[in-house]
Amino acid sequence: MTTKLFLALTVAAGLSAAPAFAAEPVTPKAKGDIVLNVRVTDVAPDAGDPILTAAGAATGLKADVKDDIKPTIGLSYFLTDKLAVEVIAGTTQHTVKAVGPGTDVAVHKTWVLPPVVSLQYHPLPGARFSPYVGAGLNYMLFYSGKDKNGFTVDLDDGFGYALQAGADIPINAAYSLNLDVKKIWFDTDAKINGGALKSKVKLDPLVFSVGFGRRF
């Protein structure tokens, strides 16, 4: 599934669900609420950075990182009726490729654990379509990597930051449909073949999610 198709399905789900749930009474979000969101998430990196030699000379190749779709969870705690802290966890697997004129070769495949902690603002906690925005930090942890086609690749873990926007569409007092999108800014230093080649890879993924929330 491509990112564009996933985004289109997410929007369609929200638009189709709103009329169906319109007759249900809305219980406003409130201080002390805990919400567990279980989502299907598309992590789509925006990499395309040049691969250089150890001396910094251009090779004509670029680093390309493929997207992946996996289940994720988010746990929110409402500090007030309108402010919440959310912790998002999940793991995705991505193929790293070297691409350029006449070249399209996989060099590495890795799992990524990118937890995000964000502070959210919910301006309309009692609305039938309840939007929110948020901002926070993330940490990219690469693990269980497998080198491909005779290459060796080392990726540095590190911190980034994120912006978030989304909406909850109540189904009943306990459950809601959740639509969520995040932009994460993060770059990693990639060393190929022991540093013979290198790249400053700006992953900067867009993260699209759709799922269901349970309020406690």
C-alpha atoms as a PDB file:
ATOM      1  CA  MET A   1       0.000   0.000   0.000  1.00  0.00           C
ATOM      2  CA  THR A   2       1.414   3.416  -0.944  1.00  0.00           C
ATOM      3  CA  THR A   3       1.378   6.411   1.377  1.00  0.00           C
ATOM      4  CA  LYS A   4      -1.081   8.268  -0.850  1.00  0.00           C
ATOM      5  CA  LEU A   5      -3.490   5.317  -0.833  1.00  0.00           C
ATOM      6  CA  PHE A   6      -3.177   4.929   2.936  1.00  0.00           C
ATOM      7  CA  LEU A   7      -3.872   8.648   3.438  1.00  0.00           C
ATOM      8  CA  ALA A   8      -6.891   8.498   1.124  1.00  0.00           C
ATOM      9  CA  LEU A   9      -8.316   5.523   3.027  1.00  0.00           C
ATOM     10  CA  THR A  10      -7.729   7.307   6.338  1.00  0.00           C
ATOM     11  CA  VAL A  11      -9.606  10.408   5.203  1.00  0.00           C
ATOM     12  CA  ALA A  12     -12.396   8.288   3.745  1.00  0.00           C
ATOM     13  CA  ALA A  13     -12.751   6.394   7.023  1.00  0.00           C
ATOM     14  CA  GLY A  14     -13.168   9.627   8.956  1.00  0.00           C
ATOM     15  CA  LEU A  15     -15.673  11.139   6.543  1.00  0.00           C
ATOM     16  CA  SER A  16     -17.774   7.977   6.368  1.00  0.00           C
ATOM     17  CA  ALA A  17     -17.725   7.378  10.113  1.00  0.00           C
ATOM     18  CA  ALA A  18     -18.846  10.842  11.193  1.00  0.00           C
ATOM     19  CA  PRO A  19     -22.482  10.560   9.985  1.00  0.00           C
ATOM     20  CA  ALA A  20     -22.792   7.005  11.322  1.00  0.00           C
ATOM     21  CA  PHE A  21     -21.840   8.058  14.837  1.00  0.00           C
ATOM     22  CA  ALA A  22     -23.698  11.382  14.816  1.00  0.00           C
ATOM     23  CA  ALA A  23     -26.667  10.002  16.761  1.00  0.00           C
ATOM     24  CA  GLU A  24     -24.537   8.784  19.658  1.00  0.00           C
ATOM     25  CA  PRO A  25     -24.273  11.051  22.721  1.00  0.00           C
ATOM     26  CA  VAL A  26     -20.861  12.616  23.233  1.00  0.00           C
ATOM     27  CA  THR A  27     -19.082  12.331  26.558  1.00  0.00           C
ATOM     28  CA  PRO A  28     -16.522  15.168  26.632  1.00  0.00           C
ATOM     29  CA  LYS A  29     -12.884  14.398  27.251  1.00  0.00           C
ATOM     30  CA  ALA A  30     -12.006  15.311  30.822  1.00  0.00           C
ATOM     31  CA  LYS A  31      -9.123  15.732  33.231  1.00  0.00           C
ATOM     32  CA  GLY A  32      -7.885  12.344  34.433  1.00  0.00           C
ATOM     33  CA  ASP A  33      -9.040  10.402  31.363  1.00  0.00           C
ATOM     34  CA  ILE A  34      -6.719   7.726  29.998  1.00  0.00           C
ATOM     35  CA  VAL A  35      -7.104   6.841  26.323  1.00  0.00           C
ATOM     36  CA  LEU A  36      -5.533   3.839  24.595  1.00  0.00           C
ATOM     37  CA  ASN A  37      -5.380   4.178  20.803  1.00  0.00           C
ATOM     38  CA  VAL A  38      -4.651   1.098  18.691  1.00  0.00           C
ATOM     39  CA  ARG A  39      -3.773   2.165  15.163  1.00  0.00           C
ATOM     40  CA  VAL A  40      -2.554   0.999  11.772  1.00  0.00           C
ATOM     41  CA  THR A  41       0.358   3.278  10.891  1.00  0.00           C
ATOM     42  CA  ASP A  42       2.249   4.101   7.712  1.00  0.00           C
ATOM     43  CA  VAL A  43       5.775   5.427   8.383  1.00  0.00           C
ATOM     44  CA  ALA A  44       6.986   7.141   5.204  1.00  0.00           C
ATOM     45  CA  PRO A  45      10.590   8.460   5.346  1.00  0.00           C
ATOM     46  CA  ASP A  46      11.537  11.411   3.171  1.00  0.00           C
ATOM     47  CA  ALA A  47      15.163  10.369   2.600  1.00  0.00           C
ATOM     48  CA  GLY A  48      17.061  11.124  -0.597  1.00  0.00           C
ATOM     49  CA  ASP A  49      20.415  12.387   0.588  1.00  0.00           C
ATOM     50  CA  PRO A  50      23.698  12.047  -1.332  1.00  0.00           C
ATOM     51  CA  ILE A  51      26.139   9.247  -0.604  1.00  0.00           C
ATOM     52  CA  LEU A  52      29.695  10.568  -0.389  1.00  0.00           C
ATOM     53  CA  THR A  53      33.154   9.028  -0.229  1.00  0.00           C
ATOM     54  CA  ALA A  54      35.115   9.195   3.030  1.00  0.00           C
ATOM     55  CA  ALA A  55      36.823  12.329   1.650  1.00  0.00           C
ATOM     56  CA  GLY A  56      33.465  13.972   0.937  1.00  0.00           C
ATOM     57  CA  ALA A  57      33.416  13.523  -2.846  1.00  0.00           C
ATOM     58  CA  ALA A  58      30.084  12.913  -4.570  1.00  0.00           C
ATOM     59  CA  THR A  59      29.382   9.377  -5.806  1.00  0.00           C
ATOM     60  CA  GLY A  60      26.261  10.247  -7.790  1.00  0.00           C
ATOM     61  CA  LEU A  61      24.231   7.944  -5.539  1.00  0.00           C
ATOM     62  CA  LYS A  62      21.561   8.776  -2.998  1.00  0.00           C
ATOM     63  CA  ALA A  63      20.241   6.955   0.080  1.00  0.00           C
ATOM     64  CA  ASP A  64      16.607   5.883  -0.271  1.00  0.00           C
ATOM     65  CA  VAL A  65      14.570   4.490   2.636  1.00  0.00           C
ATOM     66  CA  LYS A  66      11.317   2.647   1.927  1.00  0.00           C
ATOM     67  CA  ASP A  67       8.158   3.121   3.981  1.00  0.00           C
ATOM     68  CA  ASP A  68       6.407   0.459   6.066  1.00  0.00           C
ATOM     69  CA  ILE A  69       2.965  -0.144   7.568  1.00  0.00           C
ATOM     70  CA  LYS A  70       2.606  -1.718  11.006  1.00  0.00           C
ATOM     71  CA  PRO A  71       0.289  -1.610  14.065  1.00  0.00           C
ATOM     72  CA  THR A  72       1.129   0.971  16.741  1.00  0.00           C
ATOM     73  CA  ILE A  73      -0.310   2.042  20.077  1.00  0.00           C
ATOM     74  CA  GLY A  74      -0.691   5.394  21.786  1.00  0.00           C
ATOM     75  CA  LEU A  75      -1.473   6.013  25.449  1.00  0.00           C
ATOM     76  CA  SER A  76      -2.773   9.454  26.462  1.00  0.00           C
ATOM     77  CA  TYR A  77      -3.352  10.993  29.885  1.00  0.00           C
ATOM     78  CA  PHE A  78      -5.448  14.158  30.166  1.00  0.00           C
ATOM     79  CA  LEU A  79      -3.802  16.699  32.453  1.00  0.00           C
ATOM     80  CA  THR A  80      -6.825  18.986  32.000  1.00  0.00           C
ATOM     81  CA  ASP A  81      -9.959  18.816  29.848  1.00  0.00           C
ATOM     82  CA  LYS A  82      -7.936  20.180  26.910  1.00  0.00           C
ATOM     83  CA  LEU A  83      -4.307  19.201  27.549  1.00  0.00           C
ATOM     84  CA  ALA A  84      -3.007  15.644  27.280  1.00  0.00           C
ATOM     85  CA  VAL A  85       0.331  13.857  27.189  1.00  0.00           C
ATOM     86  CA  GLU A  86       0.610  10.977  24.722  1.00  0.00           C
ATOM     87  CA  VAL A  87       3.267   8.270  24.462  1.00  0.00           C
ATOM     88  CA  ILE A  88       3.362   6.520  21.084  1.00  0.00           C
ATOM     89  CA  ALA A  89       5.104   3.202  20.536  1.00  0.00           C
ATOM     90  CA  GLY A  90       5.524   0.830  17.632  1.00  0.00           C
ATOM     91  CA  THR A  91       8.191  -0.649  15.425  1.00  0.00           C
ATOM     92  CA  THR A  92       8.622  -0.701  11.666  1.00  0.00           C
ATOM     93  CA  GLN A  93      11.058  -2.322   9.247  1.00  0.00           C
ATOM     94  CA  HIS A  94      12.704  -0.352   6.452  1.00  0.00           C
ATOM     95  CA  THR A  95      14.904  -1.183   3.471  1.00  0.00           C
ATOM     96  CA  VAL A  96      17.801   1.193   2.798  1.00  0.00           C
ATOM     97  CA  LYS A  97      18.851   1.417  -0.844  1.00  0.00           C
ATOM     98  CA  ALA A  98      21.561   3.142  -2.847  1.00  0.00           C
ATOM     99  CA  VAL A  99      19.990   4.641  -5.951  1.00  0.00           C
ATOM    100  CA  GLY A 100      21.324   6.619  -8.876  1.00  0.00           C
ATOM    101  CA  PRO A 101      21.929   6.415 -12.628  1.00  0.00           C
ATOM    102  CA  GLY A 102      21.839   2.702 -13.457  1.00  0.00           C
ATOM    103  CA  THR A 103      21.895   1.768  -9.752  1.00  0.00           C
ATOM    104  CA  ASP A 104      19.083   0.593  -7.480  1.00  0.00           C
ATOM    105  CA  VAL A 105      20.501  -1.793  -4.878  1.00  0.00           C
ATOM    106  CA  ALA A 106      19.452  -2.682  -1.333  1.00  0.00           C
ATOM    107  CA  VAL A 107      22.319  -2.203   1.130  1.00  0.00           C
ATOM    108  CA  HIS A 108      20.603  -2.703   4.490  1.00  0.00           C
ATOM    109  CA  LYS A 109      17.327  -3.668   6.140  1.00  0.00           C
ATOM    110  CA  THR A 110      16.609  -2.567   9.687  1.00  0.00           C
ATOM    111  CA  TRP A 111      13.945  -2.414  12.356  1.00  0.00           C
ATOM    112  CA  VAL A 112      13.292   0.978  13.922  1.00  0.00           C
ATOM    113  CA  LEU A 113      11.743   1.726  17.311  1.00  0.00           C
ATOM    114  CA  PRO A 114      10.683   5.395  17.188  1.00  0.00           C
ATOM    115  CA  PRO A 115       8.779   6.255  20.416  1.00  0.00           C
ATOM    116  CA  VAL A 116       7.258   9.746  20.498  1.00  0.00           C
ATOM    117  CA  VAL A 117       6.180  11.702  23.589  1.00  0.00           C
ATOM    118  CA  SER A 118       3.963  14.675  22.777  1.00  0.00           C
ATOM    119  CA  LEU A 119       1.919  17.339  24.538  1.00  0.00           C
ATOM    120  CA  GLN A 120      -1.483  17.689  22.879  1.00  0.00           C
ATOM    121  CA  TYR A 121      -4.072  20.468  22.837  1.00  0.00           C
ATOM    122  CA  HIS A 122      -7.728  19.445  22.342  1.00  0.00           C
ATOM    123  CA  PRO A 123      -9.695  22.675  21.723  1.00  0.00           C
ATOM    124  CA  LEU A 124     -13.115  20.977  21.431  1.00  0.00           C
ATOM    125  CA  PRO A 125     -13.139  18.089  23.936  1.00  0.00           C
ATOM    126  CA  GLY A 126     -16.909  17.601  23.690  1.00  0.00           C
ATOM    127  CA  ALA A 127     -17.341  17.859  19.909  1.00  0.00           C
ATOM    128  CA  ARG A 128     -18.501  15.060  17.621  1.00  0.00           C
ATOM    129  CA  PHE A 129     -15.378  15.747  15.569  1.00  0.00           C
ATOM    130  CA  SER A 130     -12.744  16.593  18.177  1.00  0.00           C
ATOM    131  CA  PRO A 131      -9.455  17.790  16.635  1.00  0.00           C
ATOM    132  CA  TYR A 132      -6.125  18.133  18.376  1.00  0.00           C
ATOM    133  CA  VAL A 133      -2.595  19.338  17.730  1.00  0.00           C
ATOM    134  CA  GLY A 134       0.606  18.374  19.501  1.00  0.00           C
ATOM    135  CA  ALA A 135       4.360  18.700  19.648  1.00  0.00           C
ATOM    136  CA  GLY A 136       7.023  16.533  21.226  1.00  0.00           C
ATOM    137  CA  LEU A 137      10.246  14.555  21.061  1.00  0.00           C
ATOM    138  CA  ASN A 138      11.128  11.199  19.574  1.00  0.00           C
ATOM    139  CA  TYR A 139      14.057   8.783  19.781  1.00  0.00           C
ATOM    140  CA  MET A 140      15.087   6.621  16.835  1.00  0.00           C
ATOM    141  CA  LEU A 141      16.541   3.254  17.832  1.00  0.00           C
ATOM    142  CA  PHE A 142      17.771   0.989  15.013  1.00  0.00           C
ATOM    143  CA  TYR A 143      18.007  -2.733  15.788  1.00  0.00           C
ATOM    144  CA  SER A 144      18.209  -6.191  14.184  1.00  0.00           C
ATOM    145  CA  GLY A 145      19.729  -4.735  11.045  1.00  0.00           C
ATOM    146  CA  LYS A 146      20.736  -7.011   8.172  1.00  0.00           C
ATOM    147  CA  ASP A 147      23.306  -5.977   5.585  1.00  0.00           C
ATOM    148  CA  LYS A 148      22.527  -6.683   1.937  1.00  0.00           C
ATOM    149  CA  ASN A 149      24.442  -7.448  -1.267  1.00  0.00           C
ATOM    150  CA  GLY A 150      27.915  -7.390   0.262  1.00  0.00           C
ATOM    151  CA  PHE A 151      27.563  -3.974   1.931  1.00  0.00           C
ATOM    152  CA  THR A 152      27.941  -3.169   5.625  1.00  0.00           C
ATOM    153  CA  VAL A 153      25.913  -0.268   7.061  1.00  0.00           C
ATOM    154  CA  ASP A 154      26.027   1.391  10.462  1.00  0.00           C
ATOM    155  CA  LEU A 155      23.239   3.809  11.488  1.00  0.00           C
ATOM    156  CA  ASP A 156      23.419   6.128  14.504  1.00  0.00           C
ATOM    157  CA  ASP A 157      20.528   6.273  16.987  1.00  0.00           C
ATOM    158  CA  GLY A 158      19.407   9.679  18.256  1.00  0.00           C
ATOM    159  CA  PHE A 159      16.753  12.221  19.183  1.00  0.00           C
ATOM    160  CA  GLY A 160      14.410  14.168  16.938  1.00  0.00           C
ATOM    161  CA  TYR A 161      11.278  16.236  17.331  1.00  0.00           C
ATOM    162  CA  ALA A 162       7.729  15.935  16.077  1.00  0.00           C
ATOM    163  CA  LEU A 163       4.557  17.851  15.281  1.00  0.00           C
ATOM    164  CA  GLN A 164       1.169  16.142  15.379  1.00  0.00           C
ATOM    165  CA  ALA A 165      -2.410  16.744  14.268  1.00  0.00           C
ATOM    166  CA  GLY A 166      -5.421  14.499  14.469  1.00  0.00           C
ATOM    167  CA  ALA A 167      -9.028  14.044  15.470  1.00  0.00           C
ATOM    168  CA  ASP A 168     -11.231  11.778  17.548  1.00  0.00           C
ATOM    169  CA  ILE A 169     -14.703  10.829  16.348  1.00  0.00           C
ATOM    170  CA  PRO A 170     -16.744   9.420  19.268  1.00  0.00           C
ATOM    171  CA  ILE A 171     -18.549   6.127  18.726  1.00  0.00           C
ATOM    172  CA  ASN A 172     -19.973   5.968  22.244  1.00  0.00           C
ATOM    173  CA  ALA A 173     -18.914   7.006  25.753  1.00  0.00           C
ATOM    174  CA  ALA A 174     -15.929   4.655  25.741  1.00  0.00           C
ATOM    175  CA  TYR A 175     -14.805   4.198  22.123  1.00  0.00           C
ATOM    176  CA  SER A 176     -13.803   6.536  19.306  1.00  0.00           C
ATOM    177  CA  LEU A 177     -12.327   6.483  15.823  1.00  0.00           C
ATOM    178  CA  ASN A 178      -8.917   8.139  15.756  1.00  0.00           C
ATOM    179  CA  LEU A 179      -7.199   9.792  12.782  1.00  0.00           C
ATOM    180  CA  ASP A 180      -3.633  10.996  13.308  1.00  0.00           C
ATOM    181  CA  VAL A 181      -0.701  12.397  11.339  1.00  0.00           C
ATOM    182  CA  LYS A 182       2.775  13.292  12.555  1.00  0.00           C
ATOM    183  CA  LYS A 183       5.819  14.882  10.991  1.00  0.00           C
ATOM    184  CA  ILE A 184       9.077  13.780  12.589  1.00  0.00           C
ATOM    185  CA  TRP A 185      12.391  15.514  11.965  1.00  0.00           C
ATOM    186  CA  PHE A 186      15.381  13.221  12.446  1.00  0.00           C
ATOM    187  CA  ASP A 187      18.667  12.589  10.662  1.00  0.00           C
ATOM    188  CA  THR A 188      21.235   9.851  11.127  1.00  0.00           C
ATOM    189  CA  ASP A 189      24.852   9.403  10.136  1.00  0.00           C
ATOM    190  CA  ALA A 190      25.158   6.332   7.912  1.00  0.00           C
ATOM    191  CA  LYS A 191      28.557   4.678   7.459  1.00  0.00           C
ATOM    192  CA  ILE A 192      28.854   2.215   4.577  1.00  0.00           C
ATOM    193  CA  ASN A 193      31.634  -0.377   4.297  1.00  0.00           C
ATOM    194  CA  GLY A 194      33.389   0.815   7.440  1.00  0.00           C
ATOM    195  CA  GLY A 195      33.235   4.485   6.476  1.00  0.00           C
ATOM    196  CA  ALA A 196      34.476   4.161   2.885  1.00  0.00           C
ATOM    197  CA  LEU A 197      31.128   5.728   1.994  1.00  0.00           C
ATOM    198  CA  LYS A 198      28.947   7.944   4.157  1.00  0.00           C
ATOM    199  CA  SER A 199      25.659   9.845   4.135  1.00  0.00           C
ATOM    200  CA  LYS A 200      23.837  12.258   6.398  1.00  0.00           C
ATOM    201  CA  VAL A 201      20.392  10.697   5.978  1.00  0.00           C
ATOM    202  CA  LYS A 202      17.467  12.981   6.802  1.00  0.00           C
ATOM    203  CA  LEU A 203      14.708  10.463   7.433  1.00  0.00           C
ATOM    204  CA  ASP A 204      12.083  13.110   8.354  1.00  0.00           C
ATOM    205  CA  PRO A 205       9.150  10.664   8.056  1.00  0.00           C
ATOM    206  CA  LEU A 206       5.481  11.463   7.714  1.00  0.00           C
ATOM    207  CA  VAL A 207       3.496   9.131   9.955  1.00  0.00           C
ATOM    208  CA  PHE A 208      -0.142   8.479   9.016  1.00  0.00           C
ATOM    209  CA  SER A 209      -2.399   6.502  11.380  1.00  0.00           C
ATOM    210  CA  VAL A 210      -5.993   5.362  11.672  1.00  0.00           C
ATOM    211  CA  GLY A 211      -7.407   3.316  14.530  1.00  0.00           C
ATOM    212  CA  PHE A 212      -9.729   3.063  17.503  1.00  0.00           C
ATOM    213  CA  GLY A 213      -9.442   4.556  20.960  1.00  0.00           C
ATOM    214  CA  ARG A 214     -10.695   3.199  24.302  1.00  0.00           C
ATOM    215  CA  ARG A 215     -11.227   5.685  27.130  1.00  0.00           C
ATOM    216  CA  PHE A 216     -10.759   4.640  30.756  1.00  0.00           C
END
